[in-house]
């Protein structure tokens, strides 16, 4: 496959389109990173709740251990502190759950912000680039060795816009049918021009054939 035209104007447009696609992708990746960081700020309250719950649970467990050492009534004294420690653990778990939810939301939003706009443009850009690469590669294959301009001329007759064909010298169609080299070259030039490729030099074609770089 051949991804870029030989004609400078078409090649410049192709390079600009490729650079634009890359810039579009980088832009949305940066936007997604910014949104991801902004959404993660919402996890701060959950982190604070988790820290509070962990602190309460730790303090209550320490108090329960101290209460259990009281003779006779130690177990009764420790029970309320144990309940408070369990409640602190629940609060800590709720804070962690909130953080996980915010993290998931941030990741999903970031992915959506990259996949949707980049995927939308990629579905428009990539098929066109691959189609050009296949067609240009096939045309360059026809131009290797002794160029097969007849096939390119036939392709132009079948697919070229009528205004382009009407702009050719009078009798080009009949000349192509009769195998006139000038008519064949004129039609082949239309097809190669669509792909931004150069028409082989007639002298080199007759002498040795042409290999396109």
Protein backbone atom coordinates (compact mmCIF):
# COMPACT_ATOMS: atom_id res chain seq x y z
CA UNK A 1 0.00 0.00 0.00
CA UNK A 2 1.04 3.58 -0.61
CA UNK A 3 -0.27 6.20 1.80
CA UNK A 4 0.80 9.49 0.22
CA UNK A 5 0.43 10.99 -3.23
CA UNK A 6 3.30 12.16 -5.41
CA UNK A 7 1.46 15.35 -6.35
CA UNK A 8 2.47 17.96 -3.72
CA UNK A 9 -0.99 19.53 -3.33
CA UNK A 10 -2.76 16.23 -2.67
CA UNK A 11 0.12 15.03 -0.48
CA UNK A 12 -0.14 18.21 1.58
CA UNK A 13 -3.87 17.66 2.07
CA UNK A 14 -3.24 14.06 3.14
CA UNK A 15 -0.54 15.07 5.61
CA UNK A 16 -2.80 17.83 6.96
CA UNK A 17 -5.64 15.33 7.42
CA UNK A 18 -3.35 12.88 9.23
CA UNK A 19 -1.94 15.61 11.48
CA UNK A 20 -5.45 16.85 12.13
CA UNK A 21 -6.54 13.35 13.16
CA UNK A 22 -3.58 13.09 15.53
CA UNK A 23 -4.24 16.55 16.98
CA UNK A 24 -7.94 15.72 17.43
CA UNK A 25 -7.01 12.56 19.33
CA UNK A 26 -4.48 14.34 21.55
CA UNK A 27 -7.01 17.11 22.27
CA UNK A 28 -9.68 14.72 23.49
CA UNK A 29 -7.17 12.69 25.50
CA UNK A 30 -6.16 15.90 27.30
CA UNK A 31 -9.82 16.84 27.82
CA UNK A 32 -10.54 13.37 29.18
CA UNK A 33 -7.60 13.59 31.58
CA UNK A 34 -8.79 16.97 32.84
CA UNK A 35 -12.34 15.70 33.35
CA UNK A 36 -11.03 12.56 35.08
CA UNK A 37 -9.00 14.68 37.51
CA UNK A 38 -11.93 17.04 38.12
CA UNK A 39 -14.36 14.21 38.87
CA UNK A 40 -11.90 12.56 41.25
CA UNK A 41 -12.13 15.70 43.40
CA UNK A 42 -15.64 14.51 44.26
CA UNK A 43 -14.05 11.54 46.02
CA UNK A 44 -12.56 13.78 48.73
CA UNK A 45 -15.71 13.73 50.94
CA UNK A 46 -15.76 9.93 50.71
CA UNK A 47 -12.11 9.83 51.69
CA UNK A 48 -12.83 12.09 54.66
CA UNK A 49 -15.74 9.86 55.73
CA UNK A 50 -13.53 6.79 55.45
CA UNK A 51 -10.83 8.40 57.58
CA UNK A 52 -13.39 9.50 60.17
CA UNK A 53 -14.94 6.03 60.35
CA UNK A 54 -11.53 4.40 60.66
CA UNK A 55 -10.53 6.82 63.41
CA UNK A 56 -13.77 6.28 65.34
CA UNK A 57 -13.48 2.51 64.99
CA UNK A 58 -9.89 2.56 66.20
CA UNK A 59 -10.66 4.76 69.21
CA UNK A 60 -13.70 2.72 70.18
CA UNK A 61 -11.77 -0.54 69.92
CA UNK A 62 -9.11 0.93 72.20
CA UNK A 63 -11.81 2.03 74.64
CA UNK A 64 -13.43 -1.40 74.52
CA UNK A 65 -10.10 -3.08 75.29
CA UNK A 66 -9.60 -0.78 78.25
CA UNK A 67 -13.15 -1.37 79.51
CA UNK A 68 -12.76 -5.15 79.33
CA UNK A 69 -9.94 -4.91 81.87
CA UNK A 70 -12.31 -3.52 84.49
CA UNK A 71 -13.05 -6.31 87.00
CA UNK A 72 -16.55 -7.87 87.10
CA UNK A 73 -18.32 -5.38 84.79
CA UNK A 74 -15.67 -5.18 82.08
CA UNK A 75 -17.69 -7.04 79.44
CA UNK A 76 -20.75 -4.87 79.99
CA UNK A 77 -18.70 -1.70 79.80
CA UNK A 78 -16.93 -2.82 76.64
CA UNK A 79 -20.12 -3.75 74.76
CA UNK A 80 -21.20 -0.16 73.86
CA UNK A 81 -17.69 0.70 72.73
CA UNK A 82 -17.65 -2.43 70.53
CA UNK A 83 -20.94 -1.37 68.94
CA UNK A 84 -19.56 2.09 68.25
CA UNK A 85 -16.43 0.51 66.74
CA UNK A 86 -18.63 -1.56 64.41
CA UNK A 87 -20.55 1.57 63.43
CA UNK A 88 -17.27 3.35 62.69
CA UNK A 89 -16.25 0.43 60.49
CA UNK A 90 -19.53 0.72 58.59
CA UNK A 91 -18.98 4.45 58.08
CA UNK A 92 -15.47 3.76 56.84
CA UNK A 93 -16.81 1.18 54.38
CA UNK A 94 -19.41 3.65 53.12
CA UNK A 95 -16.69 6.21 52.49
CA UNK A 96 -14.63 3.67 50.54
CA UNK A 97 -17.69 2.71 48.49
CA UNK A 98 -18.30 6.36 47.63
CA UNK A 99 -14.69 6.72 46.49
CA UNK A 100 -14.96 3.62 44.31
CA UNK A 101 -18.14 4.95 42.70
CA UNK A 102 -16.52 8.30 41.95
CA UNK A 103 -13.44 6.57 40.54
CA UNK A 104 -15.60 4.42 38.27
CA UNK A 105 -17.56 7.47 37.11
CA UNK A 106 -14.34 9.38 36.36
CA UNK A 107 -12.96 6.47 34.32
CA UNK A 108 -16.18 5.97 32.35
CA UNK A 109 -16.48 9.68 31.55
CA UNK A 110 -12.85 9.81 30.42
CA UNK A 111 -13.31 6.81 28.14
CA UNK A 112 -16.51 8.22 26.66
CA UNK A 113 -14.83 11.57 26.00
CA UNK A 114 -12.08 9.81 24.05
CA UNK A 115 -14.00 7.01 22.32
CA UNK A 116 -16.99 8.99 21.01
CA UNK A 117 -15.33 12.00 19.31
CA UNK A 118 -12.16 10.16 18.27
CA UNK A 119 -14.12 7.13 17.08
CA UNK A 120 -16.54 9.33 15.12
CA UNK A 121 -13.71 11.01 13.22
CA UNK A 122 -11.72 7.78 12.90
CA UNK A 123 -14.65 6.11 11.12
CA UNK A 124 -14.57 8.92 8.56
CA UNK A 125 -10.81 9.27 8.20
CA UNK A 126 -9.49 5.70 8.31
CA UNK A 127 -11.62 4.09 5.54
CA UNK A 128 -10.74 6.92 3.15
CA UNK A 129 -7.02 6.64 3.93
CA UNK A 130 -7.01 2.86 3.55
CA UNK A 131 -9.01 3.07 0.34
CA UNK A 132 -6.54 5.54 -1.12
CA UNK A 133 -3.60 3.40 0.02
CA UNK A 134 -5.01 0.31 -1.69
CA UNK A 135 -5.87 2.13 -4.91
CA UNK A 136 -2.58 4.02 -5.09
CA UNK A 137 -0.65 0.84 -4.32
CA UNK A 138 -2.49 -1.02 -7.09
CA UNK A 139 -1.86 1.82 -9.55
CA UNK A 140 1.84 1.86 -8.72
CA UNK A 141 1.92 -1.91 -9.31
CA UNK A 142 0.53 -1.29 -12.81
CA UNK A 143 3.26 1.29 -13.39
CA UNK A 144 6.15 -1.02 -12.52
CA UNK A 145 8.23 -2.49 -15.30
CA UNK A 146 6.39 -1.74 -18.53
CA UNK A 147 3.46 0.45 -17.38
CA UNK A 148 0.01 -0.99 -18.18
CA UNK A 149 -1.60 2.32 -19.10
CA UNK A 150 -4.43 0.60 -20.95
CA UNK A 151 -5.97 -0.67 -17.71
CA UNK A 152 -5.68 2.78 -16.13
CA UNK A 153 -7.29 4.31 -19.21
CA UNK A 154 -10.14 1.82 -19.04
CA UNK A 155 -10.61 2.63 -15.36
CA UNK A 156 -10.80 6.33 -16.18
CA UNK A 157 -13.41 5.70 -18.87
CA UNK A 158 -15.51 3.73 -16.39
CA UNK A 159 -15.28 5.99 -13.34
CA UNK A 160 -14.06 9.49 -14.26
CA UNK A 161 -16.60 12.33 -14.00
CA UNK A 162 -18.16 13.21 -17.33
CA UNK A 163 -16.88 16.82 -17.21
CA UNK A 164 -13.31 15.49 -17.04
CA UNK A 165 -13.91 13.19 -19.97
CA UNK A 166 -15.62 15.95 -21.94
CA UNK A 167 -12.53 18.12 -21.47
CA UNK A 168 -10.33 15.64 -23.35
CA UNK A 169 -9.41 16.26 -27.00
CA UNK A 170 -12.03 15.23 -29.53
CA UNK A 171 -11.71 11.63 -30.61
CA UNK A 172 -9.97 10.44 -27.44
CA UNK A 173 -12.50 7.66 -26.91
CA UNK A 174 -12.15 6.40 -30.45
CA UNK A 175 -8.38 6.69 -30.21
CA UNK A 176 -8.37 4.62 -27.03
CA UNK A 177 -10.49 1.98 -28.75
CA UNK A 178 -8.02 1.89 -31.64
CA UNK A 179 -5.03 1.72 -29.30
CA UNK A 180 -3.74 5.24 -29.95
CA UNK A 181 -0.92 5.83 -27.37
CA UNK A 182 -1.81 9.52 -26.99
CA UNK A 183 -5.42 8.75 -26.17
CA UNK A 184 -4.40 5.99 -23.76
CA UNK A 185 -2.00 8.35 -21.97
CA UNK A 186 -4.61 11.11 -21.76
CA UNK A 187 -7.12 8.77 -20.12
CA UNK A 188 -4.51 7.16 -17.85
CA UNK A 189 -3.44 10.64 -16.74
CA UNK A 190 -6.97 11.29 -15.46
CA UNK A 191 -6.92 8.18 -13.28
CA UNK A 192 -3.39 8.79 -12.03
CA UNK A 193 -4.20 12.44 -11.38
CA UNK A 194 -7.10 11.38 -9.15
CA UNK A 195 -4.59 9.44 -7.04
CA UNK A 196 -1.95 12.17 -7.17
CA UNK A 197 0.50 9.96 -9.10
CA UNK A 198 2.71 10.95 -12.00
CA UNK A 199 2.25 9.71 -15.53
CA UNK A 200 5.34 7.78 -16.71
CA UNK A 201 7.63 9.51 -19.17
CA UNK A 202 6.81 8.15 -22.66
CA UNK A 203 10.45 7.92 -23.71
CA UNK A 204 11.45 5.90 -20.66
CA UNK A 205 8.35 3.77 -21.04
CA UNK A 206 9.23 2.80 -24.59
CA UNK A 207 12.90 2.29 -23.82
CA UNK A 208 13.08 0.42 -20.54
CA UNK A 209 9.78 0.62 -18.71
CA UNK A 210 9.22 2.68 -15.59
CA UNK A 211 9.61 1.86 -11.95
CA UNK A 212 7.78 4.30 -9.69
CA UNK A 213 9.55 5.15 -6.45
